[in-house]
PDB file of N, CA and C in Angstrom:
ATOM      1  N   MET A   1       4.859 -15.890 -19.914  1.00  0.00           N
ATOM      2  CA  MET A   1       5.440 -14.777 -20.278  1.00  0.00           C
ATOM      3  C   MET A   1       6.323 -14.035 -19.670  1.00  0.00           C
ATOM      4  N   ASN A   2       7.358 -13.014 -21.119  1.00  0.00           N
ATOM      5  CA  ASN A   2       8.341 -12.399 -21.069  1.00  0.00           C
ATOM      6  C   ASN A   2       7.831 -11.692 -20.311  1.00  0.00           C
ATOM      7  N   THR A   3       7.887 -10.568 -19.783  1.00  0.00           N
ATOM      8  CA  THR A   3       7.815  -9.310 -19.507  1.00  0.00           C
ATOM      9  C   THR A   3       9.033  -8.407 -19.090  1.00  0.00           C
ATOM     10  N   THR A   4       9.323  -7.523 -18.697  1.00  0.00           N
ATOM     11  CA  THR A   4      10.379  -6.505 -18.287  1.00  0.00           C
ATOM     12  C   THR A   4      10.604  -6.138 -17.301  1.00  0.00           C
ATOM     13  N   ALA A   5      11.165  -5.367 -16.732  1.00  0.00           N
ATOM     14  CA  ALA A   5      11.687  -4.683 -15.862  1.00  0.00           C
ATOM     15  C   ALA A   5      11.296  -3.132 -16.033  1.00  0.00           C
ATOM     16  N   SER A   6      11.264  -2.703 -17.489  1.00  0.00           N
ATOM     17  CA  SER A   6      11.505  -1.198 -17.741  1.00  0.00           C
ATOM     18  C   SER A   6      10.535  -1.786 -18.911  1.00  0.00           C
ATOM     19  N   PRO A   7       8.920  -1.069 -19.023  1.00  0.00           N
ATOM     20  CA  PRO A   7       8.224  -1.466 -20.404  1.00  0.00           C
ATOM     21  C   PRO A   7       8.323  -0.491 -21.295  1.00  0.00           C
ATOM     22  N   THR A   8       8.787  -0.619 -22.637  1.00  0.00           N
ATOM     23  CA  THR A   8       8.903  -0.439 -23.835  1.00  0.00           C
ATOM     24  C   THR A   8       7.640   0.858 -24.307  1.00  0.00           C
ATOM     25  N   VAL A   9       7.035   0.334 -23.989  1.00  0.00           N
ATOM     26  CA  VAL A   9       5.488   0.299 -24.773  1.00  0.00           C
ATOM     27  C   VAL A   9       4.208   1.134 -23.506  1.00  0.00           C
ATOM     28  N   SER A  10       4.176   1.783 -23.109  1.00  0.00           N
ATOM     29  CA  SER A  10       3.013   2.509 -22.684  1.00  0.00           C
ATOM     30  C   SER A  10       1.741   2.225 -23.163  1.00  0.00           C
ATOM     31  N   VAL A  11       0.788   1.543 -22.923  1.00  0.00           N
ATOM     32  CA  VAL A  11      -1.274   1.684 -23.566  1.00  0.00           C
ATOM     33  C   VAL A  11      -1.280   2.471 -22.989  1.00  0.00           C
ATOM     34  N   ILE A  12      -2.205   2.995 -23.227  1.00  0.00           N
ATOM     35  CA  ILE A  12      -3.656   3.549 -22.231  1.00  0.00           C
ATOM     36  C   ILE A  12      -4.310   3.332 -23.331  1.00  0.00           C
ATOM     37  N   ILE A  13      -5.963   3.080 -22.145  1.00  0.00           N
ATOM     38  CA  ILE A  13      -7.514   3.559 -22.874  1.00  0.00           C
ATOM     39  C   ILE A  13      -7.969   4.073 -21.199  1.00  0.00           C
ATOM     40  N   SER A  14      -8.787   4.784 -22.340  1.00  0.00           N
ATOM     41  CA  SER A  14      -9.295   5.817 -21.454  1.00  0.00           C
ATOM     42  C   SER A  14     -11.137   5.686 -21.480  1.00  0.00           C
ATOM     43  N   THR A  15     -11.777   5.277 -20.887  1.00  0.00           N
ATOM     44  CA  THR A  15     -12.934   4.449 -20.326  1.00  0.00           C
ATOM     45  C   THR A  15     -13.959   5.075 -19.708  1.00  0.00           C
ATOM     46  N   TYR A  16     -15.122   5.281 -20.727  1.00  0.00           N
ATOM     47  CA  TYR A  16     -16.000   5.664 -19.522  1.00  0.00           C
ATOM     48  C   TYR A  16     -17.792   4.880 -19.606  1.00  0.00           C
ATOM     49  N   ASN A  17     -18.330   3.956 -19.165  1.00  0.00           N
ATOM     50  CA  ASN A  17     -20.009   3.190 -19.130  1.00  0.00           C
ATOM     51  C   ASN A  17     -19.589   2.759 -19.815  1.00  0.00           C
ATOM     52  N   ARG A  18     -18.448   2.058 -21.197  1.00  0.00           N
ATOM     53  CA  ARG A  18     -18.397   0.937 -21.239  1.00  0.00           C
ATOM     54  C   ARG A  18     -17.727  -0.515 -20.668  1.00  0.00           C
ATOM     55  N   PRO A  19     -18.206  -0.580 -19.919  1.00  0.00           N
ATOM     56  CA  PRO A  19     -17.083  -2.177 -18.523  1.00  0.00           C
ATOM     57  C   PRO A  19     -16.987  -3.110 -19.477  1.00  0.00           C
ATOM     58  N   HIS A  20     -18.241  -3.779 -20.820  1.00  0.00           N
ATOM     59  CA  HIS A  20     -18.815  -4.763 -21.328  1.00  0.00           C
ATOM     60  C   HIS A  20     -17.602  -4.743 -22.906  1.00  0.00           C
ATOM     61  N   LEU A  21     -17.247  -2.860 -23.418  1.00  0.00           N
ATOM     62  CA  LEU A  21     -16.165  -2.900 -24.411  1.00  0.00           C
ATOM     63  C   LEU A  21     -14.995  -3.131 -23.628  1.00  0.00           C
ATOM     64  N   LEU A  22     -14.631  -2.487 -22.885  1.00  0.00           N
ATOM     65  CA  LEU A  22     -13.658  -2.510 -21.958  1.00  0.00           C
ATOM     66  C   LEU A  22     -12.717  -3.840 -21.728  1.00  0.00           C
ATOM     67  N   ARG A  23     -13.208  -4.760 -21.521  1.00  0.00           N
ATOM     68  CA  ARG A  23     -13.404  -6.560 -20.987  1.00  0.00           C
ATOM     69  C   ARG A  23     -12.499  -6.789 -22.499  1.00  0.00           C
ATOM     70  N   ARG A  24     -13.432  -6.103 -23.682  1.00  0.00           N
ATOM     71  CA  ARG A  24     -12.968  -6.580 -25.394  1.00  0.00           C
ATOM     72  C   ARG A  24     -10.723  -5.997 -25.305  1.00  0.00           C
ATOM     73  N   ALA A  25     -11.629  -5.000 -25.109  1.00  0.00           N
ATOM     74  CA  ALA A  25     -10.124  -4.034 -25.507  1.00  0.00           C
ATOM     75  C   ALA A  25      -8.687  -4.138 -24.782  1.00  0.00           C
ATOM     76  N   ILE A  26      -9.086  -4.647 -23.501  1.00  0.00           N
ATOM     77  CA  ILE A  26      -7.985  -5.363 -22.505  1.00  0.00           C
ATOM     78  C   ILE A  26      -7.343  -6.113 -22.955  1.00  0.00           C
ATOM     79  N   GLU A  27      -8.161  -7.459 -23.836  1.00  0.00           N
ATOM     80  CA  GLU A  27      -7.928  -8.676 -23.755  1.00  0.00           C
ATOM     81  C   GLU A  27      -7.029  -8.062 -24.742  1.00  0.00           C
ATOM     82  N   SER A  28      -7.349  -7.992 -25.992  1.00  0.00           N
ATOM     83  CA  SER A  28      -7.354  -7.674 -26.984  1.00  0.00           C
ATOM     84  C   SER A  28      -5.233  -6.788 -27.566  1.00  0.00           C
ATOM     85  N   VAL A  29      -5.502  -6.490 -26.122  1.00  0.00           N
ATOM     86  CA  VAL A  29      -3.952  -5.746 -25.763  1.00  0.00           C
ATOM     87  C   VAL A  29      -2.910  -6.911 -24.815  1.00  0.00           C
ATOM     88  N   LEU A  30      -3.925  -7.886 -24.060  1.00  0.00           N
ATOM     89  CA  LEU A  30      -3.222  -9.090 -23.671  1.00  0.00           C
ATOM     90  C   LEU A  30      -2.709  -9.591 -24.284  1.00  0.00           C
ATOM     91  N   ALA A  31      -3.559 -10.268 -25.124  1.00  0.00           N
ATOM     92  CA  ALA A  31      -3.298 -10.848 -26.365  1.00  0.00           C
ATOM     93  C   ALA A  31      -2.054 -10.935 -27.462  1.00  0.00           C
ATOM     94  N   GLN A  32      -1.615  -9.884 -27.138  1.00  0.00           N
ATOM     95  CA  GLN A  32      -0.740  -9.402 -28.214  1.00  0.00           C
ATOM     96  C   GLN A  32       1.086 -10.479 -28.015  1.00  0.00           C
ATOM     97  N   THR A  33       1.461 -10.447 -28.909  1.00  0.00           N
ATOM     98  CA  THR A  33       2.807 -11.081 -28.720  1.00  0.00           C
ATOM     99  C   THR A  33       3.896 -11.010 -27.715  1.00  0.00           C
ATOM    100  N   TYR A  34       3.806  -9.055 -27.981  1.00  0.00           N
ATOM    101  CA  TYR A  34       5.193  -8.582 -28.007  1.00  0.00           C
ATOM    102  C   TYR A  34       4.859  -8.590 -25.835  1.00  0.00           C
ATOM    103  N   ALA A  35       5.470  -8.405 -25.446  1.00  0.00           N
ATOM    104  CA  ALA A  35       5.027  -8.533 -23.897  1.00  0.00           C
ATOM    105  C   ALA A  35       5.647  -7.165 -22.699  1.00  0.00           C
ATOM    106  N   ALA A  36       6.732  -6.506 -23.418  1.00  0.00           N
ATOM    107  CA  ALA A  36       7.186  -5.905 -23.002  1.00  0.00           C
ATOM    108  C   ALA A  36       6.327  -4.132 -22.952  1.00  0.00           C
ATOM    109  N   PHE A  37       5.048  -4.515 -22.033  1.00  0.00           N
ATOM    110  CA  PHE A  37       4.444  -3.500 -21.831  1.00  0.00           C
ATOM    111  C   PHE A  37       3.463  -2.852 -20.971  1.00  0.00           C
ATOM    112  N   GLU A  38       3.030  -1.625 -19.946  1.00  0.00           N
ATOM    113  CA  GLU A  38       2.276  -1.707 -19.736  1.00  0.00           C
ATOM    114  C   GLU A  38       1.115  -0.941 -20.551  1.00  0.00           C
ATOM    115  N   LEU A  39      -0.045  -2.020 -19.546  1.00  0.00           N
ATOM    116  CA  LEU A  39      -1.183  -0.760 -19.557  1.00  0.00           C
ATOM    117  C   LEU A  39      -2.138  -0.027 -18.885  1.00  0.00           C
ATOM    118  N   LEU A  40      -1.437   0.861 -19.147  1.00  0.00           N
ATOM    119  CA  LEU A  40      -2.964   1.848 -18.108  1.00  0.00           C
ATOM    120  C   LEU A  40      -4.327   2.537 -18.525  1.00  0.00           C
ATOM    121  N   ILE A  41      -5.381   1.826 -17.760  1.00  0.00           N
ATOM    122  CA  ILE A  41      -6.627   2.131 -17.601  1.00  0.00           C
ATOM    123  C   ILE A  41      -7.073   3.185 -16.735  1.00  0.00           C
ATOM    124  N   ILE A  42      -7.403   4.874 -17.780  1.00  0.00           N
ATOM    125  CA  ILE A  42      -8.112   5.734 -17.171  1.00  0.00           C
ATOM    126  C   ILE A  42      -9.626   5.348 -17.061  1.00  0.00           C
ATOM    127  N   ASP A  43     -10.240   5.952 -16.188  1.00  0.00           N
ATOM    128  CA  ASP A  43     -11.887   5.306 -15.685  1.00  0.00           C
ATOM    129  C   ASP A  43     -12.219   7.341 -15.396  1.00  0.00           C
ATOM    130  N   ASP A  44     -13.272   6.968 -16.293  1.00  0.00           N
ATOM    131  CA  ASP A  44     -13.615   8.958 -15.729  1.00  0.00           C
ATOM    132  C   ASP A  44     -15.272   8.579 -15.081  1.00  0.00           C
ATOM    133  N   ARG A  45     -15.211   8.114 -14.170  1.00  0.00           N
ATOM    134  CA  ARG A  45     -16.136   8.160 -13.747  1.00  0.00           C
ATOM    135  C   ARG A  45     -17.192   7.551 -13.661  1.00  0.00           C
ATOM    136  N   GLY A  46     -17.244   6.429 -14.888  1.00  0.00           N
ATOM    137  CA  GLY A  46     -18.292   6.366 -15.379  1.00  0.00           C
ATOM    138  C   GLY A  46     -18.837   5.462 -14.267  1.00  0.00           C
ATOM    139  N   SER A  47     -19.384   3.993 -15.035  1.00  0.00           N
ATOM    140  CA  SER A  47     -19.577   2.941 -14.522  1.00  0.00           C
ATOM    141  C   SER A  47     -19.151   2.324 -13.332  1.00  0.00           C
ATOM    142  N   PRO A  48     -19.932   2.356 -12.286  1.00  0.00           N
ATOM    143  CA  PRO A  48     -19.403   0.938 -11.165  1.00  0.00           C
ATOM    144  C   PRO A  48     -19.402  -0.366 -11.776  1.00  0.00           C
ATOM    145  N   ASP A  49     -19.413  -0.333 -12.548  1.00  0.00           N
ATOM    146  CA  ASP A  49     -18.711  -2.139 -13.119  1.00  0.00           C
ATOM    147  C   ASP A  49     -17.830  -1.832 -13.987  1.00  0.00           C
ATOM    148  N   THR A  50     -17.373  -1.058 -13.705  1.00  0.00           N
ATOM    149  CA  THR A  50     -15.455  -1.059 -14.876  1.00  0.00           C
ATOM    150  C   THR A  50     -14.897  -1.188 -13.817  1.00  0.00           C
ATOM    151  N   LYS A  51     -14.966  -1.012 -11.931  1.00  0.00           N
ATOM    152  CA  LYS A  51     -13.344  -1.730 -11.503  1.00  0.00           C
ATOM    153  C   LYS A  51     -13.459  -3.047 -11.306  1.00  0.00           C
ATOM    154  N   PRO A  52     -14.604  -3.485 -11.326  1.00  0.00           N
ATOM    155  CA  PRO A  52     -14.567  -5.274 -10.945  1.00  0.00           C
ATOM    156  C   PRO A  52     -14.154  -5.326 -12.329  1.00  0.00           C
ATOM    157  N   VAL A  53     -14.249  -5.485 -13.554  1.00  0.00           N
ATOM    158  CA  VAL A  53     -14.041  -5.676 -15.264  1.00  0.00           C
ATOM    159  C   VAL A  53     -12.036  -5.568 -14.340  1.00  0.00           C
ATOM    160  N   VAL A  54     -11.890  -4.847 -14.236  1.00  0.00           N
ATOM    161  CA  VAL A  54     -10.185  -4.437 -14.506  1.00  0.00           C
ATOM    162  C   VAL A  54      -9.675  -5.310 -12.856  1.00  0.00           C
ATOM    163  N   ALA A  55      -9.951  -5.325 -12.206  1.00  0.00           N
ATOM    164  CA  ALA A  55     -10.099  -5.758 -10.900  1.00  0.00           C
ATOM    165  C   ALA A  55      -9.932  -7.416 -11.159  1.00  0.00           C
ATOM    166  N   GLU A  56     -10.871  -7.894 -12.043  1.00  0.00           N
ATOM    167  CA  GLU A  56     -10.171  -9.555 -11.968  1.00  0.00           C
ATOM    168  C   GLU A  56      -9.610  -9.630 -13.134  1.00  0.00           C
ATOM    169  N   ILE A  57      -8.987  -8.389 -14.374  1.00  0.00           N
ATOM    170  CA  ILE A  57      -7.923  -8.658 -14.758  1.00  0.00           C
ATOM    171  C   ILE A  57      -6.166  -8.729 -14.067  1.00  0.00           C
ATOM    172  N   ILE A  58      -7.047  -7.515 -13.174  1.00  0.00           N
ATOM    173  CA  ILE A  58      -5.592  -7.110 -12.896  1.00  0.00           C
ATOM    174  C   ILE A  58      -4.767  -8.371 -12.201  1.00  0.00           C
ATOM    175  N   ALA A  59      -5.924  -8.967 -11.324  1.00  0.00           N
ATOM    176  CA  ALA A  59      -5.154 -10.365 -10.083  1.00  0.00           C
ATOM    177  C   ALA A  59      -4.886 -11.238 -11.800  1.00  0.00           C
ATOM    178  N   ARG A  60      -4.570 -10.957 -12.407  1.00  0.00           N
ATOM    179  CA  ARG A  60      -4.259 -12.482 -13.327  1.00  0.00           C
ATOM    180  C   ARG A  60      -2.968 -11.883 -14.370  1.00  0.00           C
ATOM    181  N   ASP A  61      -2.752 -10.465 -14.524  1.00  0.00           N
ATOM    182  CA  ASP A  61      -0.867  -9.725 -14.994  1.00  0.00           C
ATOM    183  C   ASP A  61      -1.895  -8.481 -14.581  1.00  0.00           C
ATOM    184  N   PRO A  62       0.040  -8.405 -14.006  1.00  0.00           N
ATOM    185  CA  PRO A  62      -0.283  -7.175 -12.870  1.00  0.00           C
ATOM    186  C   PRO A  62       0.114  -5.520 -14.079  1.00  0.00           C
ATOM    187  N   ARG A  63       1.059  -6.211 -15.847  1.00  0.00           N
ATOM    188  CA  ARG A  63       0.864  -5.356 -16.412  1.00  0.00           C
ATOM    189  C   ARG A  63      -0.113  -4.302 -16.587  1.00  0.00           C
ATOM    190  N   VAL A  64      -1.309  -4.455 -15.644  1.00  0.00           N
ATOM    191  CA  VAL A  64      -2.694  -3.585 -16.249  1.00  0.00           C
ATOM    192  C   VAL A  64      -2.642  -2.821 -14.771  1.00  0.00           C
ATOM    193  N   ILE A  65      -2.489  -1.392 -15.500  1.00  0.00           N
ATOM    194  CA  ILE A  65      -3.027  -1.038 -13.359  1.00  0.00           C
ATOM    195  C   ILE A  65      -4.210   0.048 -13.978  1.00  0.00           C
ATOM    196  N   TYR A  66      -4.622   0.150 -13.366  1.00  0.00           N
ATOM    197  CA  TYR A  66      -5.994   1.021 -12.992  1.00  0.00           C
ATOM    198  C   TYR A  66      -5.941   2.230 -12.429  1.00  0.00           C
ATOM    199  N   ILE A  67      -6.250   2.922 -13.230  1.00  0.00           N
ATOM    200  CA  ILE A  67      -6.080   4.771 -12.975  1.00  0.00           C
ATOM    201  C   ILE A  67      -7.739   5.654 -12.371  1.00  0.00           C
ATOM    202  N   PRO A  68      -8.570   5.324 -11.561  1.00  0.00           N
ATOM    203  CA  PRO A  68     -10.228   5.890 -11.249  1.00  0.00           C
ATOM    204  C   PRO A  68      -9.887   7.916 -11.439  1.00  0.00           C
ATOM    205  N   ASN A  69     -11.229   8.442 -12.160  1.00  0.00           N
ATOM    206  CA  ASN A  69     -10.369   9.496 -11.970  1.00  0.00           C
ATOM    207  C   ASN A  69     -11.556  10.265 -10.978  1.00  0.00           C
ATOM    208  N   ASP A  70     -10.852  11.624 -10.142  1.00  0.00           N
ATOM    209  CA  ASP A  70     -11.933  11.630  -8.906  1.00  0.00           C
ATOM    210  C   ASP A  70     -13.793  12.943  -9.087  1.00  0.00           C
ATOM    211  N   VAL A  71     -13.032  13.741 -10.127  1.00  0.00           N
ATOM    212  CA  VAL A  71     -14.040  13.758 -11.592  1.00  0.00           C
ATOM    213  C   VAL A  71     -13.715  13.136 -13.299  1.00  0.00           C
ATOM    214  N   ARG A  72     -14.611  13.649 -13.200  1.00  0.00           N
ATOM    215  CA  ARG A  72     -15.115  13.487 -14.770  1.00  0.00           C
ATOM    216  C   ARG A  72     -13.877  14.514 -15.918  1.00  0.00           C
ATOM    217  N   SER A  73     -13.505  13.623 -16.403  1.00  0.00           N
ATOM    218  CA  SER A  73     -11.997  14.732 -16.849  1.00  0.00           C
ATOM    219  C   SER A  73     -12.218  14.875 -18.994  1.00  0.00           C
ATOM    220  N   GLY A  74     -12.845  13.774 -19.274  1.00  0.00           N
ATOM    221  CA  GLY A  74     -12.867  14.576 -20.936  1.00  0.00           C
ATOM    222  C   GLY A  74     -11.579  13.497 -21.169  1.00  0.00           C
ATOM    223  N   LEU A  75     -12.063  12.672 -22.754  1.00  0.00           N
ATOM    224  CA  LEU A  75     -11.223  12.314 -23.541  1.00  0.00           C
ATOM    225  C   LEU A  75      -9.844  12.566 -23.171  1.00  0.00           C
ATOM    226  N   MET A  76      -8.906  13.947 -24.094  1.00  0.00           N
ATOM    227  CA  MET A  76      -8.729  14.223 -23.635  1.00  0.00           C
ATOM    228  C   MET A  76      -7.367  13.938 -23.388  1.00  0.00           C
ATOM    229  N   GLU A  77      -8.393  14.744 -21.450  1.00  0.00           N
ATOM    230  CA  GLU A  77      -7.452  14.758 -19.590  1.00  0.00           C
ATOM    231  C   GLU A  77      -6.819  13.454 -20.297  1.00  0.00           C
ATOM    232  N   ASN A  78      -8.060  12.253 -20.003  1.00  0.00           N
ATOM    233  CA  ASN A  78      -7.593  11.570 -20.136  1.00  0.00           C
ATOM    234  C   ASN A  78      -6.258  10.433 -20.395  1.00  0.00           C
ATOM    235  N   LYS A  79      -6.146  10.891 -22.055  1.00  0.00           N
ATOM    236  CA  LYS A  79      -5.057  10.968 -22.779  1.00  0.00           C
ATOM    237  C   LYS A  79      -3.583  11.617 -21.946  1.00  0.00           C
ATOM    238  N   ASN A  80      -3.994  12.548 -21.539  1.00  0.00           N
ATOM    239  CA  ASN A  80      -2.631  13.175 -20.991  1.00  0.00           C
ATOM    240  C   ASN A  80      -2.475  13.270 -20.008  1.00  0.00           C
ATOM    241  N   LYS A  81      -3.137  12.593 -18.834  1.00  0.00           N
ATOM    242  CA  LYS A  81      -3.212  11.815 -18.042  1.00  0.00           C
ATOM    243  C   LYS A  81      -2.039  10.930 -17.965  1.00  0.00           C
ATOM    244  N   GLY A  82      -2.578   9.527 -18.483  1.00  0.00           N
ATOM    245  CA  GLY A  82      -2.145   8.417 -18.431  1.00  0.00           C
ATOM    246  C   GLY A  82      -0.510   8.836 -19.470  1.00  0.00           C
ATOM    247  N   VAL A  83      -0.476   9.484 -20.758  1.00  0.00           N
ATOM    248  CA  VAL A  83       0.895  10.032 -20.491  1.00  0.00           C
ATOM    249  C   VAL A  83       1.406  10.476 -20.299  1.00  0.00           C
ATOM    250  N   ARG A  84       1.244  11.123 -18.417  1.00  0.00           N
ATOM    251  CA  ARG A  84       1.945  12.026 -17.191  1.00  0.00           C
ATOM    252  C   ARG A  84       1.988  10.576 -16.332  1.00  0.00           C
ATOM    253  N   LEU A  85       1.041   9.460 -16.043  1.00  0.00           N
ATOM    254  CA  LEU A  85       1.326   8.533 -15.360  1.00  0.00           C
ATOM    255  C   LEU A  85       1.832   6.990 -15.894  1.00  0.00           C
ATOM    256  N   SER A  86       2.726   7.241 -16.796  1.00  0.00           N
ATOM    257  CA  SER A  86       3.370   6.316 -17.669  1.00  0.00           C
ATOM    258  C   SER A  86       4.499   5.961 -17.867  1.00  0.00           C
ATOM    259  N   ASN A  87       5.207   4.978 -17.130  1.00  0.00           N
ATOM    260  CA  ASN A  87       6.506   4.909 -17.581  1.00  0.00           C
ATOM    261  C   ASN A  87       7.205   5.582 -17.878  1.00  0.00           C
ATOM    262  N   VAL A  88       8.274   6.405 -17.130  1.00  0.00           N
ATOM    263  CA  VAL A  88       9.148   6.805 -17.624  1.00  0.00           C
ATOM    264  C   VAL A  88      10.420   6.078 -18.763  1.00  0.00           C
ATOM    265  N   HIS A  89      10.171   4.734 -18.644  1.00  0.00           N
ATOM    266  CA  HIS A  89      11.271   4.617 -19.495  1.00  0.00           C
ATOM    267  C   HIS A  89      10.789   4.236 -20.456  1.00  0.00           C
ATOM    268  N   SER A  90       9.330   4.265 -20.731  1.00  0.00           N
ATOM    269  CA  SER A  90       8.393   3.359 -22.221  1.00  0.00           C
ATOM    270  C   SER A  90       8.704   3.970 -22.719  1.00  0.00           C
ATOM    271  N   ARG A  91       9.192   3.416 -24.508  1.00  0.00           N
ATOM    272  CA  ARG A  91       9.703   4.695 -25.516  1.00  0.00           C
ATOM    273  C   ARG A  91       9.015   5.271 -26.216  1.00  0.00           C
ATOM    274  N   TYR A  92       7.739   4.463 -25.957  1.00  0.00           N
ATOM    275  CA  TYR A  92       5.709   4.561 -27.243  1.00  0.00           C
ATOM    276  C   TYR A  92       5.624   4.502 -26.391  1.00  0.00           C
ATOM    277  N   VAL A  93       3.898   5.103 -26.696  1.00  0.00           N
ATOM    278  CA  VAL A  93       3.017   4.997 -26.550  1.00  0.00           C
ATOM    279  C   VAL A  93       1.874   4.998 -27.011  1.00  0.00           C
ATOM    280  N   ALA A  94       1.017   4.028 -26.474  1.00  0.00           N
ATOM    281  CA  ALA A  94      -0.260   3.887 -27.908  1.00  0.00           C
ATOM    282  C   ALA A  94      -1.251   3.929 -27.098  1.00  0.00           C
ATOM    283  N   PHE A  95      -2.009   4.444 -28.019  1.00  0.00           N
ATOM    284  CA  PHE A  95      -4.124   4.681 -27.625  1.00  0.00           C
ATOM    285  C   PHE A  95      -4.749   3.779 -27.960  1.00  0.00           C
TER     286      PHE A  95
END
């Protein structure tokens, strides 16, 4: 796998109570042929099953970053949080 020190794309996924769909979404991003990205998962205080799904994937791929919220914030705030926490060297942001 070819990864770079500074990803050029930050991919942000906001999730709430959908661990079964989250796995599919993460695997879809990881299956892309372009490898210079980071994947931020913003967990909006949903299902407790979300963290183990993400932890399993993080163990395989360090580009995946799990960010749990302390309080439920909603979709738009989660997207904004993802942008704020994304790598400052990323040239693009994808949702």
